[in-house]
Amino acid sequence: GFVTAGSYPAPNVIEAAASADVKVLSLTDEQVAETKRTRLVIPAGTY
């Protein structure tokens, strides 16, 4: 797998999802809180 940060839909994630079977991981609310970053939801069907 790989880690990338970009405005969604991210071009390299679009490419990966279109050319291979991939899963983009979700964080739990507890994990989001640990990161101290802003929670964001990528809607179903984006990739």
All heavy atoms as atom14 arrays in JSON, in Angstrom:
{
  "sequence": "GFVTAGSYPAPNVIEAAASADVKVLSLTDEQVAETKRTRLVIPAGTY",
  "atom14_mask": [
    [1, 1, 1, 1, 0, 0, 0, 0, 0, 0, 0, 0, 0, 0],
    [1, 1, 1, 1, 1, 1, 1, 1, 1, 1, 1, 0, 0, 0],
    [1, 1, 1, 1, 1, 1, 1, 0, 0, 0, 0, 0, 0, 0],
    [1, 1, 1, 1, 1, 1, 1, 0, 0, 0, 0, 0, 0, 0],
    [1, 1, 1, 1, 1, 0, 0, 0, 0, 0, 0, 0, 0, 0],
    [1, 1, 1, 1, 0, 0, 0, 0, 0, 0, 0, 0, 0, 0],
    [1, 1, 1, 1, 1, 1, 0, 0, 0, 0, 0, 0, 0, 0],
    [1, 1, 1, 1, 1, 1, 1, 1, 1, 1, 1, 1, 0, 0],
    [1, 1, 1, 1, 1, 1, 1, 0, 0, 0, 0, 0, 0, 0],
    [1, 1, 1, 1, 1, 0, 0, 0, 0, 0, 0, 0, 0, 0],
    [1, 1, 1, 1, 1, 1, 1, 0, 0, 0, 0, 0, 0, 0],
    [1, 1, 1, 1, 1, 1, 1, 1, 0, 0, 0, 0, 0, 0],
    [1, 1, 1, 1, 1, 1, 1, 0, 0, 0, 0, 0, 0, 0],
    [1, 1, 1, 1, 1, 1, 1, 1, 0, 0, 0, 0, 0, 0],
    [1, 1, 1, 1, 1, 1, 1, 1, 1, 0, 0, 0, 0, 0],
    [1, 1, 1, 1, 1, 0, 0, 0, 0, 0, 0, 0, 0, 0],
    [1, 1, 1, 1, 1, 0, 0, 0, 0, 0, 0, 0, 0, 0],
    [1, 1, 1, 1, 1, 0, 0, 0, 0, 0, 0, 0, 0, 0],
    [1, 1, 1, 1, 1, 1, 0, 0, 0, 0, 0, 0, 0, 0],
    [1, 1, 1, 1, 1, 0, 0, 0, 0, 0, 0, 0, 0, 0],
    [1, 1, 1, 1, 1, 1, 1, 1, 0, 0, 0, 0, 0, 0],
    [1, 1, 1, 1, 1, 1, 1, 0, 0, 0, 0, 0, 0, 0],
    [1, 1, 1, 1, 1, 1, 1, 1, 1, 0, 0, 0, 0, 0],
    [1, 1, 1, 1, 1, 1, 1, 0, 0, 0, 0, 0, 0, 0],
    [1, 1, 1, 1, 1, 1, 1, 1, 0, 0, 0, 0, 0, 0],
    [1, 1, 1, 1, 1, 1, 0, 0, 0, 0, 0, 0, 0, 0],
    [1, 1, 1, 1, 1, 1, 1, 1, 0, 0, 0, 0, 0, 0],
    [1, 1, 1, 1, 1, 1, 1, 0, 0, 0, 0, 0, 0, 0],
    [1, 1, 1, 1, 1, 1, 1, 1, 0, 0, 0, 0, 0, 0],
    [1, 1, 1, 1, 1, 1, 1, 1, 1, 0, 0, 0, 0, 0],
    [1, 1, 1, 1, 1, 1, 1, 1, 1, 0, 0, 0, 0, 0],
    [1, 1, 1, 1, 1, 1, 1, 0, 0, 0, 0, 0, 0, 0],
    [1, 1, 1, 1, 1, 0, 0, 0, 0, 0, 0, 0, 0, 0],
    [1, 1, 1, 1, 1, 1, 1, 1, 1, 0, 0, 0, 0, 0],
    [1, 1, 1, 1, 1, 1, 1, 0, 0, 0, 0, 0, 0, 0],
    [1, 1, 1, 1, 1, 1, 1, 1, 1, 0, 0, 0, 0, 0],
    [1, 1, 1, 1, 1, 1, 1, 1, 1, 1, 1, 0, 0, 0],
    [1, 1, 1, 1, 1, 1, 1, 0, 0, 0, 0, 0, 0, 0],
    [1, 1, 1, 1, 1, 1, 1, 1, 1, 1, 1, 0, 0, 0],
    [1, 1, 1, 1, 1, 1, 1, 1, 0, 0, 0, 0, 0, 0],
    [1, 1, 1, 1, 1, 1, 1, 0, 0, 0, 0, 0, 0, 0],
    [1, 1, 1, 1, 1, 1, 1, 1, 0, 0, 0, 0, 0, 0],
    [1, 1, 1, 1, 1, 1, 1, 0, 0, 0, 0, 0, 0, 0],
    [1, 1, 1, 1, 1, 0, 0, 0, 0, 0, 0, 0, 0, 0],
    [1, 1, 1, 1, 0, 0, 0, 0, 0, 0, 0, 0, 0, 0],
    [1, 1, 1, 1, 1, 1, 1, 0, 0, 0, 0, 0, 0, 0],
    [1, 1, 1, 1, 1, 1, 1, 1, 1, 1, 1, 1, 0, 0]
  ],
  "atom14_positions": [
    [[0.82, -1.19, 0.0], [0.0, 0.0, 0.0], [0.86, 1.25, 0.0], [2.09, 1.18, 0.13], [0.0, 0.0, 0.0], [0.0, 0.0, 0.0], [0.0, 0.0, 0.0], [0.0, 0.0, 0.0], [0.0, 0.0, 0.0], [0.0, 0.0, 0.0], [0.0, 0.0, 0.0], [0.0, 0.0, 0.0], [0.0, 0.0, 0.0], [0.0, 0.0, 0.0]],
    [[0.21, 2.4, -0.16], [0.93, 3.66, -0.11], [0.1, 4.72, 0.58], [-1.13, 4.6, 0.69], [1.35, 4.13, -1.52], [0.22, 4.48, -2.45], [-0.28, 5.79, -2.52], [-0.33, 3.52, -3.28], [-1.31, 6.12, -3.39], [-1.37, 3.84, -4.17], [-1.86, 5.14, -4.22], [0.0, 0.0, 0.0], [0.0, 0.0, 0.0], [0.0, 0.0, 0.0]],
    [[0.79, 5.74, 1.07], [0.14, 6.85, 1.77], [0.31, 8.1, 0.93], [1.41, 8.4, 0.45], [0.75, 7.07, 3.16], [0.07, 8.23, 3.88], [0.66, 5.79, 3.99], [0.0, 0.0, 0.0], [0.0, 0.0, 0.0], [0.0, 0.0, 0.0], [0.0, 0.0, 0.0], [0.0, 0.0, 0.0], [0.0, 0.0, 0.0], [0.0, 0.0, 0.0]],
    [[-0.78, 8.83, 0.74], [-0.7, 10.06, -0.02], [-1.67, 11.07, 0.56], [-2.69, 10.7, 1.15], [-1.01, 9.81, -1.52], [-0.78, 11.0, -2.27], [-2.45, 9.37, -1.73], [0.0, 0.0, 0.0], [0.0, 0.0, 0.0], [0.0, 0.0, 0.0], [0.0, 0.0, 0.0], [0.0, 0.0, 0.0], [0.0, 0.0, 0.0], [0.0, 0.0, 0.0]],
    [[-1.35, 12.33, 0.43], [-2.23, 13.4, 0.89], [-2.49, 14.34, -0.28], [-1.56, 14.83, -0.91], [-1.6, 14.17, 2.05], [0.0, 0.0, 0.0], [0.0, 0.0, 0.0], [0.0, 0.0, 0.0], [0.0, 0.0, 0.0], [0.0, 0.0, 0.0], [0.0, 0.0, 0.0], [0.0, 0.0, 0.0], [0.0, 0.0, 0.0], [0.0, 0.0, 0.0]],
    [[-3.74, 14.52, -0.58], [-4.11, 15.42, -1.66], [-5.6, 15.66, -1.61], [-6.33, 14.91, -0.96], [0.0, 0.0, 0.0], [0.0, 0.0, 0.0], [0.0, 0.0, 0.0], [0.0, 0.0, 0.0], [0.0, 0.0, 0.0], [0.0, 0.0, 0.0], [0.0, 0.0, 0.0], [0.0, 0.0, 0.0], [0.0, 0.0, 0.0], [0.0, 0.0, 0.0]],
    [[-6.04, 16.68, -2.24], [-7.47, 16.97, -2.26], [-8.19, 15.84, -2.98], [-7.77, 15.41, -4.05], [-7.73, 18.28, -2.96], [-7.04, 19.31, -2.3], [0.0, 0.0, 0.0], [0.0, 0.0, 0.0], [0.0, 0.0, 0.0], [0.0, 0.0, 0.0], [0.0, 0.0, 0.0], [0.0, 0.0, 0.0], [0.0, 0.0, 0.0], [0.0, 0.0, 0.0]],
    [[-9.25, 15.36, -2.36], [-9.95, 14.25, -2.99], [-10.92, 14.75, -4.04], [-11.46, 15.86, -3.9], [-10.66, 13.39, -1.93], [-12.0, 13.93, -1.43], [-13.18, 13.67, -2.11], [-12.07, 14.7, -0.26], [-14.4, 14.16, -1.65], [-13.28, 15.18, 0.2], [-14.44, 14.91, -0.5], [-15.66, 15.4, -0.05], [0.0, 0.0, 0.0], [0.0, 0.0, 0.0]],
    [[-11.15, 13.99, -5.1], [-10.49, 12.73, -5.43], [-9.05, 12.95, -5.89], [-8.81, 13.74, -6.81], [-11.36, 12.13, -6.53], [-12.02, 13.31, -7.17], [-12.22, 14.32, -6.08], [0.0, 0.0, 0.0], [0.0, 0.0, 0.0], [0.0, 0.0, 0.0], [0.0, 0.0, 0.0], [0.0, 0.0, 0.0], [0.0, 0.0, 0.0], [0.0, 0.0, 0.0]],
    [[-8.1, 12.26, -5.25], [-6.68, 12.43, -5.55], [-6.34, 11.67, -6.84], [-6.71, 10.5, -6.98], [-5.84, 11.9, -4.4], [0.0, 0.0, 0.0], [0.0, 0.0, 0.0], [0.0, 0.0, 0.0], [0.0, 0.0, 0.0], [0.0, 0.0, 0.0], [0.0, 0.0, 0.0], [0.0, 0.0, 0.0], [0.0, 0.0, 0.0], [0.0, 0.0, 0.0]],
    [[-5.64, 12.3, -7.77], [-5.35, 11.66, -9.06], [-4.65, 10.3, -8.94], [-5.0, 9.36, -9.66], [-4.45, 12.68, -9.77], [-4.89, 13.99, -9.2], [-5.21, 13.7, -7.75], [0.0, 0.0, 0.0], [0.0, 0.0, 0.0], [0.0, 0.0, 0.0], [0.0, 0.0, 0.0], [0.0, 0.0, 0.0], [0.0, 0.0, 0.0], [0.0, 0.0, 0.0]],
    [[-3.67, 10.18, -8.02], [-2.97, 8.89, -7.93], [-3.85, 7.81, -7.3], [-3.7, 6.62, -7.59], [-1.65, 9.02, -7.18], [-1.76, 9.67, -5.82], [-2.82, 10.16, -5.44], [-0.67, 9.7, -5.08], [0.0, 0.0, 0.0], [0.0, 0.0, 0.0], [0.0, 0.0, 0.0], [0.0, 0.0, 0.0], [0.0, 0.0, 0.0], [0.0, 0.0, 0.0]],
    [[-4.81, 8.2, -6.46], [-5.74, 7.22, -5.91], [-6.77, 6.81, -6.96], [-7.16, 5.64, -7.04], [-6.43, 7.77, -4.64], [-7.36, 6.71, -4.03], [-5.4, 8.2, -3.61], [0.0, 0.0, 0.0], [0.0, 0.0, 0.0], [0.0, 0.0, 0.0], [0.0, 0.0, 0.0], [0.0, 0.0, 0.0], [0.0, 0.0, 0.0], [0.0, 0.0, 0.0]],
    [[-7.21, 7.77, -7.78], [-8.1, 7.45, -8.9], [-7.43, 6.42, -9.81], [-8.04, 5.42, -10.21], [-8.44, 8.71, -9.71], [-9.33, 9.66, -8.89], [-9.14, 8.35, -11.02], [-9.59, 10.99, -9.58], [0.0, 0.0, 0.0], [0.0, 0.0, 0.0], [0.0, 0.0, 0.0], [0.0, 0.0, 0.0], [0.0, 0.0, 0.0], [0.0, 0.0, 0.0]],
    [[-6.16, 6.66, -10.12], [-5.41, 5.75, -11.0], [-5.28, 4.37, -10.37], [-5.5, 3.35, -11.04], [-4.02, 6.33, -11.29], [-3.2, 5.47, -12.23], [-1.78, 6.0, -12.42], [-1.46, 7.07, -11.86], [-1.01, 5.33, -13.13], [0.0, 0.0, 0.0], [0.0, 0.0, 0.0], [0.0, 0.0, 0.0], [0.0, 0.0, 0.0], [0.0, 0.0, 0.0]],
    [[-4.95, 4.33, -9.08], [-4.79, 3.04, -8.41], [-6.11, 2.26, -8.37], [-6.15, 1.06, -8.65], [-4.27, 3.25, -6.99], [0.0, 0.0, 0.0], [0.0, 0.0, 0.0], [0.0, 0.0, 0.0], [0.0, 0.0, 0.0], [0.0, 0.0, 0.0], [0.0, 0.0, 0.0], [0.0, 0.0, 0.0], [0.0, 0.0, 0.0], [0.0, 0.0, 0.0]],
    [[-7.21, 2.95, -8.06], [-8.51, 2.29, -7.95], [-9.01, 1.83, -9.32], [-9.74, 0.83, -9.41], [-9.52, 3.24, -7.32], [0.0, 0.0, 0.0], [0.0, 0.0, 0.0], [0.0, 0.0, 0.0], [0.0, 0.0, 0.0], [0.0, 0.0, 0.0], [0.0, 0.0, 0.0], [0.0, 0.0, 0.0], [0.0, 0.0, 0.0], [0.0, 0.0, 0.0]],
    [[-8.62, 2.56, -10.37], [-9.09, 2.2, -11.71], [-8.3, 1.04, -12.31], [-8.81, 0.32, -13.17], [-8.99, 3.41, -12.62], [0.0, 0.0, 0.0], [0.0, 0.0, 0.0], [0.0, 0.0, 0.0], [0.0, 0.0, 0.0], [0.0, 0.0, 0.0], [0.0, 0.0, 0.0], [0.0, 0.0, 0.0], [0.0, 0.0, 0.0], [0.0, 0.0, 0.0]],
    [[-7.06, 0.87, -11.84], [-6.2, -0.14, -12.47], [-5.94, -1.35, -11.59], [-5.34, -2.33, -12.04], [-4.86, 0.51, -12.85], [-4.21, 1.06, -11.7], [0.0, 0.0, 0.0], [0.0, 0.0, 0.0], [0.0, 0.0, 0.0], [0.0, 0.0, 0.0], [0.0, 0.0, 0.0], [0.0, 0.0, 0.0], [0.0, 0.0, 0.0], [0.0, 0.0, 0.0]],
    [[-6.36, -1.29, -10.33], [-6.15, -2.41, -9.42], [-7.28, -2.42, -8.38], [-7.98, -1.43, -8.21], [-4.8, -2.29, -8.72], [0.0, 0.0, 0.0], [0.0, 0.0, 0.0], [0.0, 0.0, 0.0], [0.0, 0.0, 0.0], [0.0, 0.0, 0.0], [0.0, 0.0, 0.0], [0.0, 0.0, 0.0], [0.0, 0.0, 0.0], [0.0, 0.0, 0.0]],
    [[-7.43, -3.54, -7.71], [-8.44, -3.66, -6.67], [-7.83, -3.14, -5.37], [-6.9, -3.76, -4.84], [-8.87, -5.13, -6.52], [-10.11, -5.29, -5.67], [-10.69, -4.26, -5.27], [-10.49, -6.45, -5.39], [0.0, 0.0, 0.0], [0.0, 0.0, 0.0], [0.0, 0.0, 0.0], [0.0, 0.0, 0.0], [0.0, 0.0, 0.0], [0.0, 0.0, 0.0]],
    [[-8.29, -2.0, -4.89], [-7.69, -1.39, -3.71], [-8.73, -1.08, -2.64], [-9.93, -1.03, -2.92], [-6.93, -0.08, -4.06], [-5.86, -0.33, -5.12], [-7.9, 1.0, -4.54], [0.0, 0.0, 0.0], [0.0, 0.0, 0.0], [0.0, 0.0, 0.0], [0.0, 0.0, 0.0], [0.0, 0.0, 0.0], [0.0, 0.0, 0.0], [0.0, 0.0, 0.0]],
    [[-8.24, -0.85, -1.43], [-9.1, -0.4, -0.33], [-8.43, 0.8, 0.32], [-7.24, 0.75, 0.67], [-9.28, -1.5, 0.71], [-10.16, -1.07, 1.89], [-10.36, -2.19, 2.89], [-11.24, -1.74, 4.06], [-12.62, -1.38, 3.64], [0.0, 0.0, 0.0], [0.0, 0.0, 0.0], [0.0, 0.0, 0.0], [0.0, 0.0, 0.0], [0.0, 0.0, 0.0]],
    [[-9.18, 1.89, 0.47], [-8.7, 3.06, 1.18], [-9.2, 2.94, 2.62], [-10.4, 2.83, 2.86], [-9.21, 4.37, 0.54], [-8.66, 5.57, 1.3], [-8.79, 4.45, -0.93], [0.0, 0.0, 0.0], [0.0, 0.0, 0.0], [0.0, 0.0, 0.0], [0.0, 0.0, 0.0], [0.0, 0.0, 0.0], [0.0, 0.0, 0.0], [0.0, 0.0, 0.0]],
    [[-8.27, 2.93, 3.57], [-8.62, 2.66, 4.96], [-9.38, 3.81, 5.6], [-9.13, 4.98, 5.32], [-7.36, 2.39, 5.78], [-6.49, 1.2, 5.35], [-5.34, 1.01, 6.35], [-7.32, -0.09, 5.24], [0.0, 0.0, 0.0], [0.0, 0.0, 0.0], [0.0, 0.0, 0.0], [0.0, 0.0, 0.0], [0.0, 0.0, 0.0], [0.0, 0.0, 0.0]],
    [[-10.3, 3.45, 6.48], [-11.02, 4.42, 7.31], [-10.4, 4.46, 8.69], [-9.89, 3.45, 9.19], [-12.5, 4.04, 7.44], [-13.27, 4.61, 6.43], [0.0, 0.0, 0.0], [0.0, 0.0, 0.0], [0.0, 0.0, 0.0], [0.0, 0.0, 0.0], [0.0, 0.0, 0.0], [0.0, 0.0, 0.0], [0.0, 0.0, 0.0], [0.0, 0.0, 0.0]],
    [[-10.44, 5.63, 9.32], [-10.02, 5.77, 10.71], [-11.25, 5.74, 11.6], [-12.34, 6.17, 11.2], [-9.29, 7.1, 10.92], [-7.82, 7.19, 10.51], [-7.68, 7.21, 8.99], [-7.17, 8.44, 11.11], [0.0, 0.0, 0.0], [0.0, 0.0, 0.0], [0.0, 0.0, 0.0], [0.0, 0.0, 0.0], [0.0, 0.0, 0.0], [0.0, 0.0, 0.0]],
    [[-11.08, 5.23, 12.81], [-12.14, 5.33, 13.79], [-12.18, 6.75, 14.32], [-11.2, 7.51, 14.17], [-11.93, 4.37, 14.95], [-10.73, 4.77, 15.67], [-11.74, 2.93, 14.45], [0.0, 0.0, 0.0], [0.0, 0.0, 0.0], [0.0, 0.0, 0.0], [0.0, 0.0, 0.0], [0.0, 0.0, 0.0], [0.0, 0.0, 0.0], [0.0, 0.0, 0.0]],
    [[-13.26, 7.14, 14.95], [-13.33, 8.48, 15.53], [-12.26, 8.68, 16.6], [-11.72, 9.78, 16.76], [-14.72, 8.74, 16.12], [-15.77, 8.95, 15.03], [-15.38, 9.23, 13.88], [-16.98, 8.83, 15.33], [0.0, 0.0, 0.0], [0.0, 0.0, 0.0], [0.0, 0.0, 0.0], [0.0, 0.0, 0.0], [0.0, 0.0, 0.0], [0.0, 0.0, 0.0]],
    [[-11.93, 7.59, 17.32], [-10.88, 7.67, 18.33], [-9.53, 7.93, 17.67], [-8.71, 8.72, 18.17], [-10.82, 6.38, 19.15], [-12.0, 6.14, 20.06], [-13.26, 5.69, 19.3], [-13.14, 5.28, 18.11], [-14.35, 5.75, 19.9], [0.0, 0.0, 0.0], [0.0, 0.0, 0.0], [0.0, 0.0, 0.0], [0.0, 0.0, 0.0], [0.0, 0.0, 0.0]],
    [[-9.27, 7.28, 16.55], [-8.0, 7.49, 15.85], [-7.93, 8.91, 15.28], [-6.87, 9.55, 15.33], [-7.86, 6.46, 14.72], [-7.56, 5.06, 15.23], [-7.6, 4.01, 14.13], [-8.35, 4.15, 13.16], [-6.82, 2.97, 14.28], [0.0, 0.0, 0.0], [0.0, 0.0, 0.0], [0.0, 0.0, 0.0], [0.0, 0.0, 0.0], [0.0, 0.0, 0.0]],
    [[-9.03, 9.4, 14.75], [-9.06, 10.78, 14.25], [-8.71, 11.75, 15.37], [-7.91, 12.67, 15.19], [-10.45, 11.12, 13.66], [-10.53, 12.62, 13.34], [-10.72, 10.31, 12.4], [0.0, 0.0, 0.0], [0.0, 0.0, 0.0], [0.0, 0.0, 0.0], [0.0, 0.0, 0.0], [0.0, 0.0, 0.0], [0.0, 0.0, 0.0], [0.0, 0.0, 0.0]],
    [[-9.28, 11.52, 16.55], [-9.01, 12.39, 17.7], [-7.53, 12.35, 18.07], [-6.94, 13.37, 18.43], [-9.88, 11.99, 18.87], [0.0, 0.0, 0.0], [0.0, 0.0, 0.0], [0.0, 0.0, 0.0], [0.0, 0.0, 0.0], [0.0, 0.0, 0.0], [0.0, 0.0, 0.0], [0.0, 0.0, 0.0], [0.0, 0.0, 0.0], [0.0, 0.0, 0.0]],
    [[-6.92, 11.16, 17.99], [-5.5, 11.02, 18.32], [-4.62, 11.86, 17.39], [-3.6, 12.4, 17.81], [-5.08, 9.56, 18.23], [-5.47, 8.69, 19.4], [-4.86, 7.3, 19.28], [-3.65, 7.15, 19.56], [-5.6, 6.37, 18.91], [0.0, 0.0, 0.0], [0.0, 0.0, 0.0], [0.0, 0.0, 0.0], [0.0, 0.0, 0.0], [0.0, 0.0, 0.0]],
    [[-5.01, 11.94, 16.13], [-4.18, 12.68, 15.16], [-4.24, 14.19, 15.36], [-3.37, 14.91, 14.88], [-4.62, 12.38, 13.72], [-5.93, 12.94, 13.48], [-4.65, 10.87, 13.45], [0.0, 0.0, 0.0], [0.0, 0.0, 0.0], [0.0, 0.0, 0.0], [0.0, 0.0, 0.0], [0.0, 0.0, 0.0], [0.0, 0.0, 0.0], [0.0, 0.0, 0.0]],
    [[-5.31, 14.66, 16.03], [-5.53, 16.09, 16.23], [-5.68, 16.84, 14.9], [-5.42, 18.04, 14.81], [-4.4, 16.71, 17.07], [-4.36, 16.2, 18.51], [-3.26, 16.86, 19.31], [-3.35, 16.52, 20.78], [-3.31, 15.09, 21.08], [0.0, 0.0, 0.0], [0.0, 0.0, 0.0], [0.0, 0.0, 0.0], [0.0, 0.0, 0.0], [0.0, 0.0, 0.0]],
    [[-6.16, 16.13, 13.89], [-6.46, 16.74, 12.61], [-7.97, 16.85, 12.44], [-8.75, 16.36, 13.26], [-5.87, 15.92, 11.46], [-4.35, 15.91, 11.42], [-3.78, 17.29, 11.16], [-2.33, 17.26, 10.96], [-1.56, 18.34, 10.94], [-2.1, 19.54, 11.09], [-0.26, 18.23, 10.76], [0.0, 0.0, 0.0], [0.0, 0.0, 0.0], [0.0, 0.0, 0.0]],
    [[-8.4, 17.48, 11.36], [-9.81, 17.68, 11.09], [-10.42, 16.44, 10.44], [-9.87, 15.91, 9.47], [-10.01, 18.89, 10.15], [-9.43, 20.05, 10.76], [-11.48, 19.14, 9.88], [0.0, 0.0, 0.0], [0.0, 0.0, 0.0], [0.0, 0.0, 0.0], [0.0, 0.0, 0.0], [0.0, 0.0, 0.0], [0.0, 0.0, 0.0], [0.0, 0.0, 0.0]],
    [[-11.53, 15.97, 11.0], [-12.22, 14.79, 10.44], [-12.83, 15.15, 9.09], [-13.39, 16.22, 8.9], [-13.33, 14.34, 11.4], [-14.06, 13.05, 11.01], [-15.12, 12.75, 12.07], [-15.75, 11.46, 11.87], [-16.84, 11.24, 11.12], [-17.41, 12.27, 10.49], [-17.37, 10.03, 11.01], [0.0, 0.0, 0.0], [0.0, 0.0, 0.0], [0.0, 0.0, 0.0]],
    [[-12.72, 14.23, 8.14], [-13.28, 14.45, 6.81], [-13.83, 13.12, 6.3], [-13.24, 12.05, 6.53], [-12.21, 14.98, 5.87], [-12.64, 15.36, 4.45], [-11.88, 16.59, 3.95], [-12.43, 14.19, 3.48], [0.0, 0.0, 0.0], [0.0, 0.0, 0.0], [0.0, 0.0, 0.0], [0.0, 0.0, 0.0], [0.0, 0.0, 0.0], [0.0, 0.0, 0.0]],
    [[-14.95, 13.17, 5.62], [-15.56, 11.97, 5.05], [-15.49, 12.04, 3.53], [-15.98, 13.0, 2.92], [-17.03, 11.83, 5.51], [-17.69, 10.63, 4.83], [-17.11, 11.7, 7.02], [0.0, 0.0, 0.0], [0.0, 0.0, 0.0], [0.0, 0.0, 0.0], [0.0, 0.0, 0.0], [0.0, 0.0, 0.0], [0.0, 0.0, 0.0], [0.0, 0.0, 0.0]],
    [[-14.88, 11.03, 2.93], [-14.86, 10.89, 1.48], [-16.08, 10.05, 1.1], [-16.18, 8.89, 1.49], [-13.57, 10.19, 0.99], [-12.34, 10.98, 1.44], [-13.59, 10.01, -0.52], [-11.01, 10.3, 1.12], [0.0, 0.0, 0.0], [0.0, 0.0, 0.0], [0.0, 0.0, 0.0], [0.0, 0.0, 0.0], [0.0, 0.0, 0.0], [0.0, 0.0, 0.0]],
    [[-17.03, 10.64, 0.39], [-18.3, 9.93, 0.12], [-18.11, 8.64, -0.68], [-17.18, 8.53, -1.51], [-19.11, 10.95, -0.68], [-18.46, 12.26, -0.41], [-17.02, 11.98, -0.19], [0.0, 0.0, 0.0], [0.0, 0.0, 0.0], [0.0, 0.0, 0.0], [0.0, 0.0, 0.0], [0.0, 0.0, 0.0], [0.0, 0.0, 0.0], [0.0, 0.0, 0.0]],
    [[-18.96, 7.68, -0.42], [-18.98, 6.43, -1.19], [-19.09, 6.76, -2.67], [-19.77, 7.7, -3.07], [-20.14, 5.56, -0.74], [0.0, 0.0, 0.0], [0.0, 0.0, 0.0], [0.0, 0.0, 0.0], [0.0, 0.0, 0.0], [0.0, 0.0, 0.0], [0.0, 0.0, 0.0], [0.0, 0.0, 0.0], [0.0, 0.0, 0.0], [0.0, 0.0, 0.0]],
    [[-18.38, 5.99, -3.5], [-18.43, 6.21, -4.93], [-17.42, 7.19, -5.46], [-17.34, 7.41, -6.67], [0.0, 0.0, 0.0], [0.0, 0.0, 0.0], [0.0, 0.0, 0.0], [0.0, 0.0, 0.0], [0.0, 0.0, 0.0], [0.0, 0.0, 0.0], [0.0, 0.0, 0.0], [0.0, 0.0, 0.0], [0.0, 0.0, 0.0], [0.0, 0.0, 0.0]],
    [[-16.65, 7.79, -4.58], [-15.63, 8.74, -5.04], [-14.58, 8.03, -5.89], [-14.12, 8.56, -6.9], [-14.97, 9.44, -3.84], [-15.95, 10.18, -3.12], [-13.86, 10.38, -4.29], [0.0, 0.0, 0.0], [0.0, 0.0, 0.0], [0.0, 0.0, 0.0], [0.0, 0.0, 0.0], [0.0, 0.0, 0.0], [0.0, 0.0, 0.0], [0.0, 0.0, 0.0]],
    [[-14.2, 6.83, -5.46], [-13.21, 6.04, -6.19], [-13.85, 4.74, -6.68], [-14.81, 4.25, -6.08], [-12.01, 5.72, -5.29], [-11.28, 6.95, -4.81], [-11.3, 7.31, -3.45], [-10.6, 7.77, -5.69], [-10.64, 8.45, -3.01], [-9.94, 8.91, -5.26], [-9.95, 9.24, -3.92], [-9.31, 10.37, -3.49], [0.0, 0.0, 0.0], [0.0, 0.0, 0.0]]
  ]
}
